Amino acid sequence: MATLSRTGANAREAFLHETARLWPVAKGSLAQVRRSCMRRNCQACARGDKHPGWIFVFREKGRQRCLYVRKSFVPALRQAILNGRRLEERLARAGHELIERDRQERPSGRDKP
């Protein structure tokens, strides 16, 4: 297995510094839903208006899951989801950079088995 060169160590530090600013992170989506409440005499539900609420949709062990989110927490969760998307983009770029660095550092010619 190839080891990271000194340049790779610098890239690691730069990656960690860049991604540390992306905290908090979340992977999933946020959706506003409308639902009936549990009160028997709710006039809004009787009119068919229902009540707005927020859910966070994500995957866990390959299955889709949902969690209700307090309205006051919605802005923080939106930012975490955005940070998660930026982190995924950065991870993809890191893989590309790793391969490019390997190509620049290896001696010319083909790899020997």
PDB file of N, CA and C in Angstrom:
ATOM      1  N   MET A   1       0.842  -1.177   0.000  1.00  0.00           N
ATOM      2  CA  MET A   1       0.000   0.000   0.000  1.00  0.00           C
ATOM      3  C   MET A   1       0.887   1.239   0.000  1.00  0.00           C
ATOM      4  N   ALA A   2       0.532   2.216  -0.804  1.00  0.00           N
ATOM      5  CA  ALA A   2       1.327   3.440  -0.898  1.00  0.00           C
ATOM      6  C   ALA A   2       1.142   4.285   0.355  1.00  0.00           C
ATOM      7  N   THR A   3       2.179   5.018   0.719  1.00  0.00           N
ATOM      8  CA  THR A   3       2.092   5.917   1.856  1.00  0.00           C
ATOM      9  C   THR A   3       1.994   7.348   1.359  1.00  0.00           C
ATOM     10  N   LEU A   4       1.461   8.218   2.193  1.00  0.00           N
ATOM     11  CA  LEU A   4       1.348   9.619   1.810  1.00  0.00           C
ATOM     12  C   LEU A   4       2.689  10.305   1.983  1.00  0.00           C
ATOM     13  N   SER A   5       3.043  11.105   1.027  1.00  0.00           N
ATOM     14  CA  SER A   5       4.294  11.864   1.098  1.00  0.00           C
ATOM     15  C   SER A   5       4.117  13.074   2.006  1.00  0.00           C
ATOM     16  N   ARG A   6       5.164  13.857   2.138  1.00  0.00           N
ATOM     17  CA  ARG A   6       5.085  15.087   2.936  1.00  0.00           C
ATOM     18  C   ARG A   6       4.021  16.013   2.359  1.00  0.00           C
ATOM     19  N   THR A   7       3.924  16.061   1.036  1.00  0.00           N
ATOM     20  CA  THR A   7       2.894  16.867   0.392  1.00  0.00           C
ATOM     21  C   THR A   7       1.523  16.355   0.777  1.00  0.00           C
ATOM     22  N   GLY A   8       1.382  15.030   0.861  1.00  0.00           N
ATOM     23  CA  GLY A   8       0.119  14.435   1.270  1.00  0.00           C
ATOM     24  C   GLY A   8      -0.243  14.801   2.693  1.00  0.00           C
ATOM     25  N   ALA A   9       0.749  14.879   3.566  1.00  0.00           N
ATOM     26  CA  ALA A   9       0.506  15.280   4.955  1.00  0.00           C
ATOM     27  C   ALA A   9       0.014  16.722   5.004  1.00  0.00           C
ATOM     28  N   ASN A  10       0.589  17.582   4.185  1.00  0.00           N
ATOM     29  CA  ASN A  10       0.125  18.969   4.110  1.00  0.00           C
ATOM     30  C   ASN A  10      -1.304  19.033   3.593  1.00  0.00           C
ATOM     31  N   ALA A  11      -1.613  18.199   2.610  1.00  0.00           N
ATOM     32  CA  ALA A  11      -2.963  18.156   2.061  1.00  0.00           C
ATOM     33  C   ALA A  11      -3.949  17.688   3.128  1.00  0.00           C
ATOM     34  N   ARG A  12      -3.505  16.743   3.957  1.00  0.00           N
ATOM     35  CA  ARG A  12      -4.352  16.236   5.043  1.00  0.00           C
ATOM     36  C   ARG A  12      -4.688  17.358   6.011  1.00  0.00           C
ATOM     37  N   GLU A  13      -3.683  18.136   6.399  1.00  0.00           N
ATOM     38  CA  GLU A  13      -3.907  19.244   7.326  1.00  0.00           C
ATOM     39  C   GLU A  13      -4.843  20.285   6.714  1.00  0.00           C
ATOM     40  N   ALA A  14      -4.657  20.576   5.435  1.00  0.00           N
ATOM     41  CA  ALA A  14      -5.519  21.546   4.756  1.00  0.00           C
ATOM     42  C   ALA A  14      -6.959  21.031   4.700  1.00  0.00           C
ATOM     43  N   PHE A  15      -7.122  19.740   4.414  1.00  0.00           N
ATOM     44  CA  PHE A  15      -8.449  19.129   4.362  1.00  0.00           C
ATOM     45  C   PHE A  15      -9.129  19.217   5.731  1.00  0.00           C
ATOM     46  N   LEU A  16      -8.419  18.852   6.784  1.00  0.00           N
ATOM     47  CA  LEU A  16      -8.986  18.887   8.130  1.00  0.00           C
ATOM     48  C   LEU A  16      -9.362  20.313   8.541  1.00  0.00           C
ATOM     49  N   HIS A  17      -8.516  21.256   8.199  1.00  0.00           N
ATOM     50  CA  HIS A  17      -8.808  22.658   8.530  1.00  0.00           C
ATOM     51  C   HIS A  17     -10.062  23.125   7.790  1.00  0.00           C
ATOM     52  N   GLU A  18     -10.151  22.792   6.501  1.00  0.00           N
ATOM     53  CA  GLU A  18     -11.286  23.222   5.684  1.00  0.00           C
ATOM     54  C   GLU A  18     -12.593  22.585   6.148  1.00  0.00           C
ATOM     55  N   THR A  19     -12.552  21.299   6.446  1.00  0.00           N
ATOM     56  CA  THR A  19     -13.783  20.598   6.807  1.00  0.00           C
ATOM     57  C   THR A  19     -14.214  20.857   8.247  1.00  0.00           C
ATOM     58  N   ALA A  20     -13.301  21.255   9.111  1.00  0.00           N
ATOM     59  CA  ALA A  20     -13.673  21.553  10.503  1.00  0.00           C
ATOM     60  C   ALA A  20     -14.662  22.714  10.560  1.00  0.00           C
ATOM     61  N   ARG A  21     -14.579  23.603   9.610  1.00  0.00           N
ATOM     62  CA  ARG A  21     -15.495  24.751   9.579  1.00  0.00           C
ATOM     63  C   ARG A  21     -16.903  24.359   9.174  1.00  0.00           C
ATOM     64  N   LEU A  22     -17.090  23.132   8.694  1.00  0.00           N
ATOM     65  CA  LEU A  22     -18.400  22.692   8.222  1.00  0.00           C
ATOM     66  C   LEU A  22     -19.262  22.068   9.324  1.00  0.00           C
ATOM     67  N   TRP A  23     -18.809  22.113  10.553  1.00  0.00           N
ATOM     68  CA  TRP A  23     -19.599  21.531  11.637  1.00  0.00           C
ATOM     69  C   TRP A  23     -20.705  22.489  12.035  1.00  0.00           C
ATOM     70  N   PRO A  24     -21.909  22.070  12.324  1.00  0.00           N
ATOM     71  CA  PRO A  24     -22.407  20.698  12.341  1.00  0.00           C
ATOM     72  C   PRO A  24     -22.799  20.249  10.935  1.00  0.00           C
ATOM     73  N   VAL A  25     -22.826  18.939  10.728  1.00  0.00           N
ATOM     74  CA  VAL A  25     -23.207  18.374   9.441  1.00  0.00           C
ATOM     75  C   VAL A  25     -24.361  17.400   9.622  1.00  0.00           C
ATOM     76  N   ALA A  26     -25.145  17.256   8.565  1.00  0.00           N
ATOM     77  CA  ALA A  26     -26.230  16.283   8.543  1.00  0.00           C
ATOM     78  C   ALA A  26     -26.414  15.845   7.097  1.00  0.00           C
ATOM     79  N   LYS A  27     -26.826  14.600   6.932  1.00  0.00           N
ATOM     80  CA  LYS A  27     -27.137  14.099   5.602  1.00  0.00           C
ATOM     81  C   LYS A  27     -28.594  13.682   5.597  1.00  0.00           C
ATOM     82  N   GLY A  28     -29.353  14.325   4.740  1.00  0.00           N
ATOM     83  CA  GLY A  28     -30.784  14.051   4.666  1.00  0.00           C
ATOM     84  C   GLY A  28     -31.476  15.246   4.060  1.00  0.00           C
ATOM     85  N   SER A  29     -32.783  15.334   4.289  1.00  0.00           N
ATOM     86  CA  SER A  29     -33.540  16.467   3.775  1.00  0.00           C
ATOM     87  C   SER A  29     -34.577  16.895   4.799  1.00  0.00           C
ATOM     88  N   LEU A  30     -35.039  18.100   4.616  1.00  0.00           N
ATOM     89  CA  LEU A  30     -36.005  18.698   5.515  1.00  0.00           C
ATOM     90  C   LEU A  30     -37.274  18.960   4.726  1.00  0.00           C
ATOM     91  N   ALA A  31     -38.409  18.587   5.287  1.00  0.00           N
ATOM     92  CA  ALA A  31     -39.670  18.776   4.572  1.00  0.00           C
ATOM     93  C   ALA A  31     -40.728  19.323   5.519  1.00  0.00           C
ATOM     94  N   GLN A  32     -41.530  20.243   4.998  1.00  0.00           N
ATOM     95  CA  GLN A  32     -42.652  20.730   5.782  1.00  0.00           C
ATOM     96  C   GLN A  32     -43.856  19.853   5.456  1.00  0.00           C
ATOM     97  N   VAL A  33     -44.543  19.412   6.484  1.00  0.00           N
ATOM     98  CA  VAL A  33     -45.718  18.562   6.319  1.00  0.00           C
ATOM     99  C   VAL A  33     -46.902  19.213   7.021  1.00  0.00           C
ATOM    100  N   ARG A  34     -48.079  18.771   6.688  1.00  0.00           N
ATOM    101  CA  ARG A  34     -49.290  19.234   7.355  1.00  0.00           C
ATOM    102  C   ARG A  34     -49.992  17.990   7.880  1.00  0.00           C
ATOM    103  N   ARG A  35     -50.375  18.042   9.154  1.00  0.00           N
ATOM    104  CA  ARG A  35     -50.966  16.866   9.775  1.00  0.00           C
ATOM    105  C   ARG A  35     -52.076  17.269  10.731  1.00  0.00           C
ATOM    106  N   SER A  36     -52.938  16.322  10.981  1.00  0.00           N
ATOM    107  CA  SER A  36     -54.011  16.519  11.949  1.00  0.00           C
ATOM    108  C   SER A  36     -53.436  16.394  13.347  1.00  0.00           C
ATOM    109  N   CYS A  37     -54.051  17.081  14.283  1.00  0.00           N
ATOM    110  CA  CYS A  37     -53.596  16.972  15.665  1.00  0.00           C
ATOM    111  C   CYS A  37     -54.467  15.949  16.399  1.00  0.00           C
ATOM    112  N   MET A  38     -54.199  15.779  17.675  1.00  0.00           N
ATOM    113  CA  MET A  38     -54.905  14.773  18.471  1.00  0.00           C
ATOM    114  C   MET A  38     -56.081  15.363  19.255  1.00  0.00           C
ATOM    115  N   ARG A  39     -56.277  16.679  19.191  1.00  0.00           N
ATOM    116  CA  ARG A  39     -57.371  17.304  19.944  1.00  0.00           C
ATOM    117  C   ARG A  39     -58.708  16.994  19.281  1.00  0.00           C
ATOM    118  N   ARG A  40     -59.667  16.630  20.083  1.00  0.00           N
ATOM    119  CA  ARG A  40     -60.981  16.241  19.542  1.00  0.00           C
ATOM    120  C   ARG A  40     -61.715  17.396  18.877  1.00  0.00           C
ATOM    121  N   ASN A  41     -61.667  18.572  19.463  1.00  0.00           N
ATOM    122  CA  ASN A  41     -62.475  19.698  18.978  1.00  0.00           C
ATOM    123  C   ASN A  41     -61.641  20.763  18.278  1.00  0.00           C
ATOM    124  N   CYS A  42     -60.614  20.366  17.595  1.00  0.00           N
ATOM    125  CA  CYS A  42     -59.751  21.338  16.904  1.00  0.00           C
ATOM    126  C   CYS A  42     -60.490  21.868  15.674  1.00  0.00           C
ATOM    127  N   GLN A  43     -60.730  23.171  15.660  1.00  0.00           N
ATOM    128  CA  GLN A  43     -61.468  23.778  14.557  1.00  0.00           C
ATOM    129  C   GLN A  43     -60.666  23.765  13.258  1.00  0.00           C
ATOM    130  N   ALA A  44     -59.347  23.929  13.366  1.00  0.00           N
ATOM    131  CA  ALA A  44     -58.510  23.911  12.158  1.00  0.00           C
ATOM    132  C   ALA A  44     -58.592  22.540  11.486  1.00  0.00           C
ATOM    133  N   CYS A  45     -58.490  21.484  12.269  1.00  0.00           N
ATOM    134  CA  CYS A  45     -58.569  20.137  11.704  1.00  0.00           C
ATOM    135  C   CYS A  45     -59.969  19.856  11.155  1.00  0.00           C
ATOM    136  N   ALA A  46     -60.996  20.372  11.836  1.00  0.00           N
ATOM    137  CA  ALA A  46     -62.375  20.184  11.371  1.00  0.00           C
ATOM    138  C   ALA A  46     -62.581  20.850  10.012  1.00  0.00           C
ATOM    139  N   ARG A  47     -61.909  21.986   9.778  1.00  0.00           N
ATOM    140  CA  ARG A  47     -61.995  22.666   8.477  1.00  0.00           C
ATOM    141  C   ARG A  47     -61.141  21.981   7.422  1.00  0.00           C
ATOM    142  N   GLY A  48     -60.258  21.075   7.852  1.00  0.00           N
ATOM    143  CA  GLY A  48     -59.360  20.407   6.915  1.00  0.00           C
ATOM    144  C   GLY A  48     -58.048  21.142   6.727  1.00  0.00           C
ATOM    145  N   ASP A  49     -57.779  22.149   7.565  1.00  0.00           N
ATOM    146  CA  ASP A  49     -56.564  22.948   7.410  1.00  0.00           C
ATOM    147  C   ASP A  49     -55.314  22.204   7.861  1.00  0.00           C
ATOM    148  N   LYS A  50     -55.417  21.413   8.876  1.00  0.00           N
ATOM    149  CA  LYS A  50     -54.293  20.683   9.467  1.00  0.00           C
ATOM    150  C   LYS A  50     -53.233  21.649   9.983  1.00  0.00           C
ATOM    151  N   HIS A  51     -52.222  21.105  10.659  1.00  0.00           N
ATOM    152  CA  HIS A  51     -51.192  21.911  11.302  1.00  0.00           C
ATOM    153  C   HIS A  51     -49.845  21.683  10.632  1.00  0.00           C
ATOM    154  N   PRO A  52     -49.091  22.777  10.388  1.00  0.00           N
ATOM    155  CA  PRO A  52     -47.777  22.602   9.762  1.00  0.00           C
ATOM    156  C   PRO A  52     -46.771  22.021  10.765  1.00  0.00           C
ATOM    157  N   GLY A  53     -45.860  21.246  10.241  1.00  0.00           N
ATOM    158  CA  GLY A  53     -44.777  20.684  11.044  1.00  0.00           C
ATOM    159  C   GLY A  53     -43.602  20.387  10.128  1.00  0.00           C
ATOM    160  N   TRP A  54     -42.471  20.029  10.703  1.00  0.00           N
ATOM    161  CA  TRP A  54     -41.257  19.772   9.941  1.00  0.00           C
ATOM    162  C   TRP A  54     -40.743  18.377  10.252  1.00  0.00           C
ATOM    163  N   ILE A  55     -40.243  17.687   9.219  1.00  0.00           N
ATOM    164  CA  ILE A  55     -39.607  16.391   9.431  1.00  0.00           C
ATOM    165  C   ILE A  55     -38.248  16.372   8.749  1.00  0.00           C
ATOM    166  N   PHE A  56     -37.345  15.646   9.354  1.00  0.00           N
ATOM    167  CA  PHE A  56     -36.021  15.401   8.800  1.00  0.00           C
ATOM    168  C   PHE A  56     -36.042  13.980   8.258  1.00  0.00           C
ATOM    169  N   VAL A  57     -35.755  13.826   6.979  1.00  0.00           N
ATOM    170  CA  VAL A  57     -35.778  12.524   6.315  1.00  0.00           C
ATOM    171  C   VAL A  57     -34.337  12.103   6.049  1.00  0.00           C
ATOM    172  N   PHE A  58     -33.980  10.883   6.454  1.00  0.00           N
ATOM    173  CA  PHE A  58     -32.610  10.399   6.300  1.00  0.00           C
ATOM    174  C   PHE A  58     -32.633   8.884   6.134  1.00  0.00           C
ATOM    175  N   ARG A  59     -31.485   8.305   5.840  1.00  0.00           N
ATOM    176  CA  ARG A  59     -31.358   6.854   5.698  1.00  0.00           C
ATOM    177  C   ARG A  59     -30.533   6.305   6.848  1.00  0.00           C
ATOM    178  N   GLU A  60     -30.980   5.168   7.355  1.00  0.00           N
ATOM    179  CA  GLU A  60     -30.266   4.479   8.418  1.00  0.00           C
ATOM    180  C   GLU A  60     -30.284   2.989   8.081  1.00  0.00           C
ATOM    181  N   LYS A  61     -29.090   2.424   7.889  1.00  0.00           N
ATOM    182  CA  LYS A  61     -28.958   1.010   7.514  1.00  0.00           C
ATOM    183  C   LYS A  61     -29.801   0.684   6.281  1.00  0.00           C
ATOM    184  N   GLY A  62     -29.784   1.609   5.308  1.00  0.00           N
ATOM    185  CA  GLY A  62     -30.473   1.396   4.045  1.00  0.00           C
ATOM    186  C   GLY A  62     -31.974   1.667   4.073  1.00  0.00           C
ATOM    187  N   ARG A  63     -32.513   2.011   5.227  1.00  0.00           N
ATOM    188  CA  ARG A  63     -33.948   2.275   5.331  1.00  0.00           C
ATOM    189  C   ARG A  63     -34.203   3.755   5.553  1.00  0.00           C
ATOM    190  N   GLN A  64     -35.269   4.239   4.924  1.00  0.00           N
ATOM    191  CA  GLN A  64     -35.617   5.642   5.095  1.00  0.00           C
ATOM    192  C   GLN A  64     -36.275   5.844   6.451  1.00  0.00           C
ATOM    193  N   ARG A  65     -35.837   6.881   7.150  1.00  0.00           N
ATOM    194  CA  ARG A  65     -36.377   7.203   8.473  1.00  0.00           C
ATOM    195  C   ARG A  65     -36.769   8.671   8.490  1.00  0.00           C
ATOM    196  N   CYS A  66     -37.645   9.028   9.408  1.00  0.00           N
ATOM    197  CA  CYS A  66     -38.085  10.418   9.582  1.00  0.00           C
ATOM    198  C   CYS A  66     -38.113  10.757  11.060  1.00  0.00           C
ATOM    199  N   LEU A  67     -37.760  11.988  11.361  1.00  0.00           N
ATOM    200  CA  LEU A  67     -37.848  12.506  12.719  1.00  0.00           C
ATOM    201  C   LEU A  67     -38.532  13.871  12.672  1.00  0.00           C
ATOM    202  N   TYR A  68     -39.410  14.121  13.616  1.00  0.00           N
ATOM    203  CA  TYR A  68     -40.021  15.439  13.702  1.00  0.00           C
ATOM    204  C   TYR A  68     -38.998  16.436  14.233  1.00  0.00           C
ATOM    205  N   VAL A  69     -39.096  17.665  13.749  1.00  0.00           N
ATOM    206  CA  VAL A  69     -38.137  18.717  14.091  1.00  0.00           C
ATOM    207  C   VAL A  69     -38.913  19.909  14.649  1.00  0.00           C
ATOM    208  N   ARG A  70     -38.429  20.457  15.774  1.00  0.00           N
ATOM    209  CA  ARG A  70     -39.038  21.676  16.323  1.00  0.00           C
ATOM    210  C   ARG A  70     -38.849  22.819  15.333  1.00  0.00           C
ATOM    211  N   LYS A  71     -39.851  23.663  15.229  1.00  0.00           N
ATOM    212  CA  LYS A  71     -39.799  24.807  14.308  1.00  0.00           C
ATOM    213  C   LYS A  71     -38.587  25.686  14.603  1.00  0.00           C
ATOM    214  N   SER A  72     -38.252  25.859  15.873  1.00  0.00           N
ATOM    215  CA  SER A  72     -37.123  26.717  16.238  1.00  0.00           C
ATOM    216  C   SER A  72     -35.774  26.121  15.821  1.00  0.00           C
ATOM    217  N   PHE A  73     -35.735  24.808  15.575  1.00  0.00           N
ATOM    218  CA  PHE A  73     -34.488  24.151  15.191  1.00  0.00           C
ATOM    219  C   PHE A  73     -34.297  24.067  13.672  1.00  0.00           C
ATOM    220  N   VAL A  74     -35.312  24.411  12.901  1.00  0.00           N
ATOM    221  CA  VAL A  74     -35.267  24.303  11.438  1.00  0.00           C
ATOM    222  C   VAL A  74     -34.091  25.064  10.821  1.00  0.00           C
ATOM    223  N   PRO A  75     -33.818  26.333  11.181  1.00  0.00           N
ATOM    224  CA  PRO A  75     -32.668  27.028  10.558  1.00  0.00           C
ATOM    225  C   PRO A  75     -31.333  26.328  10.823  1.00  0.00           C
ATOM    226  N   ALA A  76     -31.128  25.842  12.030  1.00  0.00           N
ATOM    227  CA  ALA A  76     -29.867  25.153  12.354  1.00  0.00           C
ATOM    228  C   ALA A  76     -29.743  23.860  11.554  1.00  0.00           C
ATOM    229  N   LEU A  77     -30.841  23.137  11.397  1.00  0.00           N
ATOM    230  CA  LEU A  77     -30.805  21.885  10.634  1.00  0.00           C
ATOM    231  C   LEU A  77     -30.584  22.159   9.148  1.00  0.00           C
ATOM    232  N   ARG A  78     -31.186  23.219   8.646  1.00  0.00           N
ATOM    233  CA  ARG A  78     -30.940  23.590   7.235  1.00  0.00           C
ATOM    234  C   ARG A  78     -29.454  23.835   6.989  1.00  0.00           C
ATOM    235  N   GLN A  79     -28.812  24.556   7.917  1.00  0.00           N
ATOM    236  CA  GLN A  79     -27.385  24.833   7.778  1.00  0.00           C
ATOM    237  C   GLN A  79     -26.581  23.544   7.862  1.00  0.00           C
ATOM    238  N   ALA A  80     -26.950  22.637   8.760  1.00  0.00           N
ATOM    239  CA  ALA A  80     -26.239  21.364   8.893  1.00  0.00           C
ATOM    240  C   ALA A  80     -26.360  20.535   7.616  1.00  0.00           C
ATOM    241  N   ILE A  81     -27.532  20.540   6.995  1.00  0.00           N
ATOM    242  CA  ILE A  81     -27.726  19.808   5.737  1.00  0.00           C
ATOM    243  C   ILE A  81     -26.876  20.420   4.630  1.00  0.00           C
ATOM    244  N   LEU A  82     -26.849  21.749   4.556  1.00  0.00           N
ATOM    245  CA  LEU A  82     -26.006  22.431   3.570  1.00  0.00           C
ATOM    246  C   LEU A  82     -24.536  22.098   3.803  1.00  0.00           C
ATOM    247  N   ASN A  83     -24.107  22.122   5.067  1.00  0.00           N
ATOM    248  CA  ASN A  83     -22.729  21.759   5.391  1.00  0.00           C
ATOM    249  C   ASN A  83     -22.435  20.313   4.994  1.00  0.00           C
ATOM    250  N   GLY A  84     -23.391  19.425   5.190  1.00  0.00           N
ATOM    251  CA  GLY A  84     -23.208  18.024   4.794  1.00  0.00           C
ATOM    252  C   GLY A  84     -23.014  17.883   3.292  1.00  0.00           C
ATOM    253  N   ARG A  85     -23.752  18.653   2.524  1.00  0.00           N
ATOM    254  CA  ARG A  85     -23.595  18.612   1.063  1.00  0.00           C
ATOM    255  C   ARG A  85     -22.232  19.160   0.651  1.00  0.00           C
ATOM    256  N   ARG A  86     -21.799  20.210   1.320  1.00  0.00           N
ATOM    257  CA  ARG A  86     -20.469  20.760   1.019  1.00  0.00           C
ATOM    258  C   ARG A  86     -19.372  19.759   1.394  1.00  0.00           C
ATOM    259  N   LEU A  87     -19.566  19.047   2.493  1.00  0.00           N
ATOM    260  CA  LEU A  87     -18.589  18.041   2.909  1.00  0.00           C
ATOM    261  C   LEU A  87     -18.521  16.899   1.895  1.00  0.00           C
ATOM    262  N   GLU A  88     -19.666  16.458   1.395  1.00  0.00           N
ATOM    263  CA  GLU A  88     -19.667  15.409   0.369  1.00  0.00           C
ATOM    264  C   GLU A  88     -18.923  15.860  -0.878  1.00  0.00           C
ATOM    265  N   GLU A  89     -19.133  17.109  -1.300  1.00  0.00           N
ATOM    266  CA  GLU A  89     -18.415  17.645  -2.457  1.00  0.00           C
ATOM    267  C   GLU A  89     -16.909  17.658  -2.199  1.00  0.00           C
ATOM    268  N   ARG A  90     -16.534  18.047  -0.981  1.00  0.00           N
ATOM    269  CA  ARG A  90     -15.108  18.110  -0.627  1.00  0.00           C
ATOM    270  C   ARG A  90     -14.489  16.725  -0.595  1.00  0.00           C
ATOM    271  N   LEU A  91     -15.227  15.727  -0.116  1.00  0.00           N
ATOM    272  CA  LEU A  91     -14.719  14.352  -0.100  1.00  0.00           C
ATOM    273  C   LEU A  91     -14.480  13.842  -1.517  1.00  0.00           C
ATOM    274  N   ALA A  92     -15.391  14.146  -2.423  1.00  0.00           N
ATOM    275  CA  ALA A  92     -15.212  13.737  -3.816  1.00  0.00           C
ATOM    276  C   ALA A  92     -13.965  14.393  -4.404  1.00  0.00           C
ATOM    277  N   ARG A  93     -13.782  15.674  -4.110  1.00  0.00           N
ATOM    278  CA  ARG A  93     -12.602  16.386  -4.600  1.00  0.00           C
ATOM    279  C   ARG A  93     -11.329  15.814  -3.996  1.00  0.00           C
ATOM    280  N   ALA A  94     -11.388  15.390  -2.727  1.00  0.00           N
ATOM    281  CA  ALA A  94     -10.210  14.826  -2.059  1.00  0.00           C
ATOM    282  C   ALA A  94      -9.765  13.536  -2.746  1.00  0.00           C
ATOM    283  N   GLY A  95     -10.696  12.707  -3.162  1.00  0.00           N
ATOM    284  CA  GLY A  95     -10.333  11.486  -3.873  1.00  0.00           C
ATOM    285  C   GLY A  95      -9.631  11.791  -5.178  1.00  0.00           C
ATOM    286  N   HIS A  96     -10.141  12.764  -5.900  1.00  0.00           N
ATOM    287  CA  HIS A  96      -9.529  13.174  -7.161  1.00  0.00           C
ATOM    288  C   HIS A  96      -8.125  13.719  -6.917  1.00  0.00           C
ATOM    289  N   GLU A  97      -7.973  14.561  -5.895  1.00  0.00           N
ATOM    290  CA  GLU A  97      -6.664  15.135  -5.581  1.00  0.00           C
ATOM    291  C   GLU A  97      -5.664  14.054  -5.174  1.00  0.00           C
ATOM    292  N   LEU A  98      -6.119  13.051  -4.459  1.00  0.00           N
ATOM    293  CA  LEU A  98      -5.251  11.956  -4.021  1.00  0.00           C
ATOM    294  C   LEU A  98      -4.679  11.203  -5.227  1.00  0.00           C
ATOM    295  N   ILE A  99      -5.525  10.930  -6.193  1.00  0.00           N
ATOM    296  CA  ILE A  99      -5.074  10.226  -7.396  1.00  0.00           C
ATOM    297  C   ILE A  99      -4.117  11.094  -8.203  1.00  0.00           C
ATOM    298  N   GLU A 100      -4.450  12.379  -8.345  1.00  0.00           N
ATOM    299  CA  GLU A 100      -3.568  13.292  -9.085  1.00  0.00           C
ATOM    300  C   GLU A 100      -2.202  13.398  -8.410  1.00  0.00           C
ATOM    301  N   ARG A 101      -2.176  13.455  -7.078  1.00  0.00           N
ATOM    302  CA  ARG A 101      -0.903  13.532  -6.349  1.00  0.00           C
ATOM    303  C   ARG A 101      -0.088  12.259  -6.572  1.00  0.00           C
ATOM    304  N   ASP A 102      -0.756  11.111  -6.565  1.00  0.00           N
ATOM    305  CA  ASP A 102      -0.059   9.844  -6.809  1.00  0.00           C
ATOM    306  C   ASP A 102       0.547   9.826  -8.209  1.00  0.00           C
ATOM    307  N   ARG A 103      -0.191  10.320  -9.176  1.00  0.00           N
ATOM    308  CA  ARG A 103       0.314  10.347 -10.552  1.00  0.00           C
ATOM    309  C   ARG A 103       1.527  11.251 -10.690  1.00  0.00           C
ATOM    310  N   GLN A 104       1.548  12.350  -9.963  1.00  0.00           N
ATOM    311  CA  GLN A 104       2.677  13.275 -10.034  1.00  0.00           C
ATOM    312  C   GLN A 104       3.907  12.711  -9.324  1.00  0.00           C
ATOM    313  N   GLU A 105       3.701  11.934  -8.265  1.00  0.00           N
ATOM    314  CA  GLU A 105       4.821  11.461  -7.450  1.00  0.00           C
ATOM    315  C   GLU A 105       5.417  10.137  -7.922  1.00  0.00           C
ATOM    316  N   ARG A 106       4.668   9.342  -8.653  1.00  0.00           N
ATOM    317  CA  ARG A 106       5.206   8.036  -9.047  1.00  0.00           C
ATOM    318  C   ARG A 106       6.212   8.202 -10.182  1.00  0.00           C
ATOM    319  N   PRO A 107       7.165   7.286 -10.245  1.00  0.00           N
ATOM    320  CA  PRO A 107       8.111   7.351 -11.368  1.00  0.00           C
ATOM    321  C   PRO A 107       7.378   7.041 -12.673  1.00  0.00           C
ATOM    322  N   SER A 108       7.885   7.593 -13.755  1.00  0.00           N
ATOM    323  CA  SER A 108       7.235   7.350 -15.043  1.00  0.00           C
ATOM    324  C   SER A 108       7.331   5.886 -15.399  1.00  0.00           C
ATOM    325  N   GLY A 109       6.415   5.425 -16.165  1.00  0.00           N
ATOM    326  CA  GLY A 109       6.369   4.010 -16.533  1.00  0.00           C
ATOM    327  C   GLY A 109       5.204   3.335 -15.851  1.00  0.00           C
ATOM    328  N   ARG A 110       5.030   2.091 -16.144  1.00  0.00           N
ATOM    329  CA  ARG A 110       3.899   1.348 -15.607  1.00  0.00           C
ATOM    330  C   ARG A 110       4.240   0.776 -14.241  1.00  0.00           C
ATOM    331  N   ASP A 111       3.196   0.551 -13.463  1.00  0.00           N
ATOM    332  CA  ASP A 111       3.372  -0.114 -12.160  1.00  0.00           C
ATOM    333  C   ASP A 111       3.791  -1.551 -12.383  1.00  0.00           C
ATOM    334  N   LYS A 112       4.683  -2.035 -11.572  1.00  0.00           N
ATOM    335  CA  LYS A 112       5.120  -3.428 -11.652  1.00  0.00           C
ATOM    336  C   LYS A 112       4.241  -4.264 -10.721  1.00  0.00           C
ATOM    337  N   PRO A 113       3.815  -5.445 -11.183  1.00  0.00           N
ATOM    338  CA  PRO A 113       2.987  -6.294 -10.316  1.00  0.00           C
ATOM    339  C   PRO A 113       3.763  -6.885  -9.166  1.00  0.00           C
TER     340      PRO A 113
END
